[in-house]
Amino acid sequence: MAAVNPAAPVGRGRKMRREPLPLNEMAIRHNAAMIEYCRTSISALAGSTAGILGLTGLYGFAFYFLTAFVMSFMLLLKAGSQWQKYFRARLALFLNGLFGGLFTYILFWTFIYGMVHVY
């Protein structure tokens, strides 16, 4: 992950305030692209797994959101306590590409389910 400049503490004593530093736009775009790539890959893998397991209905959708949450949590663990260096907001880790990945998931889920359980 590319580092984005966090706000630096300024001042002494009790009156510590953060002065914003310029952000590296290329690093922000790179990190967003990496999240999108990870989410798409996990969606394809999870969809294939759900199809092989024969999940249907709400169980299949619950499986997608579970795997998406686990992936987001693992990215948050990788970023560590200094996640501000890599992302503007923590919510971006959980929501960026979530519904775009859902379409990939459904595509693989229905295709593999049809190949394994229907034909």
N, C-alpha and C. Protein backbone atom coordinates (compact mmCIF):
# COMPACT_ATOMS: atom_id res chain seq x y z
N MET A 1 0.83 -1.16 0.00
CA MET A 1 0.00 0.00 0.00
C MET A 1 0.89 1.23 0.00
N ALA A 2 0.53 2.20 -0.78
CA ALA A 2 1.27 3.45 -0.83
C ALA A 2 0.82 4.34 0.32
N ALA A 3 1.75 5.09 0.88
CA ALA A 3 1.45 5.93 2.03
C ALA A 3 0.89 7.27 1.59
N VAL A 4 -0.09 7.74 2.33
CA VAL A 4 -0.68 9.06 2.15
C VAL A 4 -0.26 9.87 3.36
N ASN A 5 0.15 11.13 3.18
CA ASN A 5 0.62 11.93 4.30
C ASN A 5 -0.49 12.23 5.29
N PRO A 6 -0.32 11.82 6.58
CA PRO A 6 -1.32 12.15 7.59
C PRO A 6 -1.08 13.56 8.10
N ALA A 7 -2.00 14.03 8.90
CA ALA A 7 -1.83 15.34 9.51
C ALA A 7 -0.76 15.24 10.59
N ALA A 8 0.11 16.23 10.65
CA ALA A 8 1.21 16.24 11.61
C ALA A 8 0.82 17.06 12.83
N PRO A 9 1.19 16.59 14.05
CA PRO A 9 0.87 17.36 15.24
C PRO A 9 1.69 18.64 15.29
N VAL A 10 1.07 19.72 15.71
CA VAL A 10 1.72 21.02 15.80
C VAL A 10 1.42 21.59 17.17
N GLY A 11 2.39 22.28 17.77
CA GLY A 11 2.17 22.93 19.05
C GLY A 11 2.84 22.16 20.17
N ARG A 12 2.81 22.79 21.36
CA ARG A 12 3.42 22.17 22.53
C ARG A 12 2.42 22.12 23.66
N GLY A 13 2.69 21.23 24.57
CA GLY A 13 1.86 21.15 25.76
C GLY A 13 0.49 20.57 25.49
N ARG A 14 -0.49 21.15 26.18
CA ARG A 14 -1.85 20.63 26.09
C ARG A 14 -2.54 21.02 24.80
N LYS A 15 -2.10 22.04 24.13
CA LYS A 15 -2.78 22.53 22.95
C LYS A 15 -2.16 21.95 21.68
N MET A 16 -2.29 20.65 21.55
CA MET A 16 -1.82 19.97 20.35
C MET A 16 -2.94 20.03 19.31
N ARG A 17 -2.64 20.49 18.14
CA ARG A 17 -3.61 20.48 17.06
C ARG A 17 -2.92 19.88 15.84
N ARG A 18 -3.70 19.39 14.95
CA ARG A 18 -3.15 18.76 13.76
C ARG A 18 -3.24 19.72 12.59
N GLU A 19 -2.12 19.91 11.96
CA GLU A 19 -2.08 20.76 10.77
C GLU A 19 -2.14 19.85 9.55
N PRO A 20 -3.10 20.07 8.68
CA PRO A 20 -3.23 19.17 7.52
C PRO A 20 -2.06 19.32 6.56
N LEU A 21 -1.60 18.19 6.07
CA LEU A 21 -0.54 18.15 5.07
C LEU A 21 -1.16 17.79 3.73
N PRO A 22 -0.51 18.18 2.65
CA PRO A 22 -1.06 17.79 1.34
C PRO A 22 -1.03 16.27 1.17
N LEU A 23 -2.07 15.76 0.52
CA LEU A 23 -2.17 14.32 0.28
C LEU A 23 -1.62 13.99 -1.10
N ASN A 24 -1.09 12.82 -1.22
CA ASN A 24 -0.58 12.33 -2.49
C ASN A 24 -1.74 11.68 -3.24
N GLU A 25 -2.25 12.37 -4.25
CA GLU A 25 -3.42 11.88 -4.99
C GLU A 25 -3.14 10.56 -5.69
N MET A 26 -1.95 10.37 -6.19
CA MET A 26 -1.61 9.10 -6.86
C MET A 26 -1.63 7.95 -5.87
N ALA A 27 -1.18 8.18 -4.64
CA ALA A 27 -1.20 7.12 -3.63
C ALA A 27 -2.63 6.78 -3.24
N ILE A 28 -3.49 7.79 -3.14
CA ILE A 28 -4.89 7.55 -2.81
C ILE A 28 -5.56 6.73 -3.91
N ARG A 29 -5.32 7.08 -5.16
CA ARG A 29 -5.90 6.32 -6.27
C ARG A 29 -5.36 4.90 -6.32
N HIS A 30 -4.06 4.74 -6.06
CA HIS A 30 -3.46 3.40 -6.06
C HIS A 30 -4.10 2.53 -4.98
N ASN A 31 -4.26 3.08 -3.78
CA ASN A 31 -4.85 2.31 -2.69
C ASN A 31 -6.31 1.95 -3.00
N ALA A 32 -7.06 2.87 -3.58
CA ALA A 32 -8.44 2.58 -3.96
C ALA A 32 -8.49 1.50 -5.03
N ALA A 33 -7.55 1.54 -5.98
CA ALA A 33 -7.51 0.51 -7.02
C ALA A 33 -7.15 -0.85 -6.43
N MET A 34 -6.28 -0.88 -5.44
CA MET A 34 -5.92 -2.15 -4.80
C MET A 34 -7.10 -2.74 -4.03
N ILE A 35 -7.87 -1.88 -3.37
CA ILE A 35 -9.07 -2.36 -2.67
C ILE A 35 -10.05 -2.94 -3.69
N GLU A 36 -10.23 -2.25 -4.80
CA GLU A 36 -11.15 -2.72 -5.84
C GLU A 36 -10.69 -4.06 -6.42
N TYR A 37 -9.39 -4.21 -6.64
CA TYR A 37 -8.84 -5.46 -7.16
C TYR A 37 -9.05 -6.60 -6.15
N CYS A 38 -8.77 -6.33 -4.88
CA CYS A 38 -8.96 -7.35 -3.85
C CYS A 38 -10.42 -7.74 -3.74
N ARG A 39 -11.30 -6.76 -3.76
CA ARG A 39 -12.73 -7.04 -3.62
C ARG A 39 -13.25 -7.85 -4.82
N THR A 40 -12.79 -7.53 -6.03
CA THR A 40 -13.22 -8.28 -7.21
C THR A 40 -12.71 -9.71 -7.16
N SER A 41 -11.47 -9.89 -6.75
CA SER A 41 -10.90 -11.24 -6.66
C SER A 41 -11.62 -12.07 -5.60
N ILE A 42 -11.86 -11.48 -4.44
CA ILE A 42 -12.55 -12.19 -3.37
C ILE A 42 -13.99 -12.51 -3.79
N SER A 43 -14.61 -11.60 -4.51
CA SER A 43 -15.99 -11.83 -4.97
C SER A 43 -16.06 -13.01 -5.92
N ALA A 44 -15.11 -13.11 -6.85
CA ALA A 44 -15.09 -14.24 -7.78
C ALA A 44 -14.83 -15.55 -7.03
N LEU A 45 -13.91 -15.53 -6.10
CA LEU A 45 -13.59 -16.73 -5.33
C LEU A 45 -14.77 -17.13 -4.44
N ALA A 46 -15.38 -16.16 -3.78
CA ALA A 46 -16.52 -16.46 -2.90
C ALA A 46 -17.72 -16.94 -3.71
N GLY A 47 -17.95 -16.34 -4.88
CA GLY A 47 -19.05 -16.79 -5.73
C GLY A 47 -18.86 -18.22 -6.20
N SER A 48 -17.64 -18.55 -6.56
CA SER A 48 -17.35 -19.93 -6.97
C SER A 48 -17.56 -20.89 -5.81
N THR A 49 -17.11 -20.49 -4.64
CA THR A 49 -17.28 -21.33 -3.45
C THR A 49 -18.75 -21.52 -3.12
N ALA A 50 -19.53 -20.44 -3.18
CA ALA A 50 -20.96 -20.54 -2.90
C ALA A 50 -21.66 -21.42 -3.92
N GLY A 51 -21.24 -21.34 -5.17
CA GLY A 51 -21.83 -22.20 -6.19
C GLY A 51 -21.52 -23.66 -5.97
N ILE A 52 -20.29 -23.96 -5.61
CA ILE A 52 -19.90 -25.35 -5.35
C ILE A 52 -20.61 -25.89 -4.12
N LEU A 53 -20.73 -25.04 -3.08
CA LEU A 53 -21.42 -25.48 -1.86
C LEU A 53 -22.92 -25.61 -2.04
N GLY A 54 -23.46 -25.01 -3.10
CA GLY A 54 -24.88 -25.10 -3.38
C GLY A 54 -25.72 -24.14 -2.56
N LEU A 55 -25.14 -23.03 -2.15
CA LEU A 55 -25.90 -22.04 -1.38
C LEU A 55 -26.95 -21.39 -2.27
N THR A 56 -28.13 -21.18 -1.74
CA THR A 56 -29.20 -20.53 -2.49
C THR A 56 -29.86 -19.46 -1.63
N GLY A 57 -30.50 -18.52 -2.28
CA GLY A 57 -31.29 -17.51 -1.59
C GLY A 57 -30.47 -16.61 -0.69
N LEU A 58 -31.02 -16.32 0.47
CA LEU A 58 -30.38 -15.40 1.40
C LEU A 58 -29.07 -15.93 1.98
N TYR A 59 -28.93 -17.25 2.03
CA TYR A 59 -27.67 -17.81 2.52
C TYR A 59 -26.50 -17.43 1.61
N GLY A 60 -26.76 -17.39 0.32
CA GLY A 60 -25.73 -16.99 -0.63
C GLY A 60 -25.34 -15.53 -0.46
N PHE A 61 -26.32 -14.66 -0.28
CA PHE A 61 -26.03 -13.24 -0.08
C PHE A 61 -25.34 -13.00 1.26
N ALA A 62 -25.76 -13.73 2.28
CA ALA A 62 -25.11 -13.61 3.59
C ALA A 62 -23.64 -14.06 3.49
N PHE A 63 -23.39 -15.09 2.69
CA PHE A 63 -22.01 -15.56 2.49
C PHE A 63 -21.16 -14.49 1.83
N TYR A 64 -21.72 -13.77 0.85
CA TYR A 64 -20.97 -12.70 0.20
C TYR A 64 -20.62 -11.59 1.19
N PHE A 65 -21.60 -11.14 1.95
CA PHE A 65 -21.33 -10.04 2.87
C PHE A 65 -20.39 -10.47 3.99
N LEU A 66 -20.44 -11.73 4.37
CA LEU A 66 -19.49 -12.25 5.36
C LEU A 66 -18.07 -12.23 4.80
N THR A 67 -17.88 -12.73 3.59
CA THR A 67 -16.54 -12.74 3.00
C THR A 67 -16.04 -11.32 2.72
N ALA A 68 -16.94 -10.41 2.34
CA ALA A 68 -16.54 -9.01 2.11
C ALA A 68 -16.10 -8.37 3.41
N PHE A 69 -16.81 -8.66 4.51
CA PHE A 69 -16.42 -8.11 5.81
C PHE A 69 -15.08 -8.67 6.27
N VAL A 70 -14.87 -9.97 6.09
CA VAL A 70 -13.60 -10.59 6.48
C VAL A 70 -12.45 -9.98 5.69
N MET A 71 -12.65 -9.76 4.38
CA MET A 71 -11.60 -9.15 3.57
C MET A 71 -11.30 -7.73 4.04
N SER A 72 -12.34 -6.96 4.33
CA SER A 72 -12.14 -5.59 4.80
C SER A 72 -11.43 -5.58 6.14
N PHE A 73 -11.79 -6.50 7.01
CA PHE A 73 -11.13 -6.60 8.32
C PHE A 73 -9.65 -6.96 8.17
N MET A 74 -9.35 -7.85 7.23
CA MET A 74 -7.95 -8.23 7.01
C MET A 74 -7.14 -7.06 6.44
N LEU A 75 -7.75 -6.26 5.56
CA LEU A 75 -7.07 -5.06 5.06
C LEU A 75 -6.85 -4.05 6.17
N LEU A 76 -7.80 -3.94 7.07
CA LEU A 76 -7.65 -3.04 8.21
C LEU A 76 -6.52 -3.52 9.12
N LEU A 77 -6.42 -4.82 9.32
CA LEU A 77 -5.32 -5.36 10.11
C LEU A 77 -3.97 -5.11 9.44
N LYS A 78 -3.94 -5.25 8.12
CA LYS A 78 -2.69 -5.00 7.39
C LYS A 78 -2.26 -3.55 7.49
N ALA A 79 -3.23 -2.63 7.43
CA ALA A 79 -2.91 -1.21 7.56
C ALA A 79 -2.46 -0.88 8.97
N GLY A 80 -2.92 -1.63 9.94
CA GLY A 80 -2.51 -1.42 11.32
C GLY A 80 -3.15 -0.19 11.94
N SER A 81 -2.53 0.28 13.01
CA SER A 81 -3.08 1.43 13.72
C SER A 81 -2.84 2.73 12.97
N GLN A 82 -2.01 2.71 11.97
CA GLN A 82 -1.72 3.90 11.17
C GLN A 82 -2.49 3.89 9.86
N TRP A 83 -3.76 3.48 9.90
CA TRP A 83 -4.55 3.39 8.67
C TRP A 83 -4.73 4.76 8.03
N GLN A 84 -4.60 5.84 8.78
CA GLN A 84 -4.74 7.18 8.22
C GLN A 84 -3.65 7.48 7.20
N LYS A 85 -2.54 6.78 7.28
CA LYS A 85 -1.46 6.99 6.32
C LYS A 85 -1.82 6.45 4.94
N TYR A 86 -2.78 5.54 4.86
CA TYR A 86 -3.08 4.86 3.61
C TYR A 86 -4.46 5.20 3.03
N PHE A 87 -5.40 5.59 3.90
CA PHE A 87 -6.76 5.84 3.46
C PHE A 87 -7.29 7.11 4.10
N ARG A 88 -8.19 7.79 3.39
CA ARG A 88 -8.79 9.01 3.95
C ARG A 88 -9.76 8.69 5.08
N ALA A 89 -10.53 7.63 4.93
CA ALA A 89 -11.51 7.25 5.94
C ALA A 89 -11.52 5.74 6.11
N ARG A 90 -11.77 5.31 7.31
CA ARG A 90 -11.82 3.87 7.59
C ARG A 90 -13.01 3.23 6.89
N LEU A 91 -14.07 3.99 6.72
CA LEU A 91 -15.27 3.47 6.06
C LEU A 91 -14.98 3.08 4.61
N ALA A 92 -13.98 3.71 3.99
CA ALA A 92 -13.62 3.37 2.62
C ALA A 92 -13.17 1.92 2.50
N LEU A 93 -12.55 1.39 3.53
CA LEU A 93 -12.12 -0.01 3.51
C LEU A 93 -13.31 -0.96 3.45
N PHE A 94 -14.41 -0.57 4.05
CA PHE A 94 -15.56 -1.46 4.13
C PHE A 94 -16.55 -1.27 2.99
N LEU A 95 -16.60 -0.08 2.40
CA LEU A 95 -17.65 0.19 1.42
C LEU A 95 -17.18 0.34 -0.02
N ASN A 96 -15.92 0.67 -0.26
CA ASN A 96 -15.45 0.86 -1.64
C ASN A 96 -15.59 -0.43 -2.44
N GLY A 97 -16.37 -0.39 -3.49
CA GLY A 97 -16.52 -1.53 -4.38
C GLY A 97 -17.38 -2.65 -3.85
N LEU A 98 -18.11 -2.39 -2.77
CA LEU A 98 -18.92 -3.46 -2.16
C LEU A 98 -20.00 -3.95 -3.12
N PHE A 99 -20.73 -3.03 -3.74
CA PHE A 99 -21.83 -3.46 -4.62
C PHE A 99 -21.33 -3.82 -6.01
N GLY A 100 -20.22 -3.28 -6.44
CA GLY A 100 -19.60 -3.72 -7.69
C GLY A 100 -19.13 -5.16 -7.58
N GLY A 101 -18.59 -5.50 -6.42
CA GLY A 101 -18.18 -6.87 -6.16
C GLY A 101 -19.36 -7.82 -6.06
N LEU A 102 -20.50 -7.28 -5.65
CA LEU A 102 -21.69 -8.12 -5.55
C LEU A 102 -22.11 -8.65 -6.92
N PHE A 103 -21.99 -7.83 -7.96
CA PHE A 103 -22.34 -8.30 -9.31
C PHE A 103 -21.39 -9.39 -9.78
N THR A 104 -20.10 -9.25 -9.48
CA THR A 104 -19.13 -10.30 -9.81
C THR A 104 -19.46 -11.57 -9.06
N TYR A 105 -19.80 -11.43 -7.79
CA TYR A 105 -20.16 -12.57 -6.96
C TYR A 105 -21.36 -13.33 -7.54
N ILE A 106 -22.40 -12.59 -7.90
CA ILE A 106 -23.61 -13.22 -8.44
C ILE A 106 -23.30 -13.93 -9.76
N LEU A 107 -22.48 -13.32 -10.59
CA LEU A 107 -22.10 -13.94 -11.86
C LEU A 107 -21.44 -15.29 -11.63
N PHE A 108 -20.42 -15.33 -10.77
CA PHE A 108 -19.72 -16.59 -10.51
C PHE A 108 -20.59 -17.57 -9.74
N TRP A 109 -21.37 -17.07 -8.82
CA TRP A 109 -22.24 -17.92 -8.00
C TRP A 109 -23.23 -18.68 -8.87
N THR A 110 -23.92 -17.97 -9.75
CA THR A 110 -24.92 -18.63 -10.59
C THR A 110 -24.29 -19.53 -11.64
N PHE A 111 -23.16 -19.11 -12.19
CA PHE A 111 -22.50 -19.93 -13.22
C PHE A 111 -22.01 -21.25 -12.63
N ILE A 112 -21.28 -21.18 -11.54
CA ILE A 112 -20.73 -22.41 -10.94
C ILE A 112 -21.85 -23.28 -10.37
N TYR A 113 -22.86 -22.65 -9.78
CA TYR A 113 -24.00 -23.43 -9.26
C TYR A 113 -24.66 -24.20 -10.41
N GLY A 114 -24.85 -23.54 -11.53
CA GLY A 114 -25.45 -24.20 -12.68
C GLY A 114 -24.59 -25.32 -13.22
N MET A 115 -23.30 -25.12 -13.23
CA MET A 115 -22.39 -26.14 -13.76
C MET A 115 -22.32 -27.35 -12.84
N VAL A 116 -22.37 -27.15 -11.54
CA VAL A 116 -22.19 -28.25 -10.59
C VAL A 116 -23.52 -28.93 -10.27
N HIS A 117 -24.57 -28.16 -10.01
CA HIS A 117 -25.79 -28.74 -9.47
C HIS A 117 -26.91 -28.92 -10.50
N VAL A 118 -26.85 -28.23 -11.62
CA VAL A 118 -27.94 -28.34 -12.58
C VAL A 118 -27.57 -29.31 -13.71
N TYR A 119 -26.37 -29.20 -14.22
CA TYR A 119 -25.99 -30.01 -15.39
C TYR A 119 -25.28 -31.27 -15.02
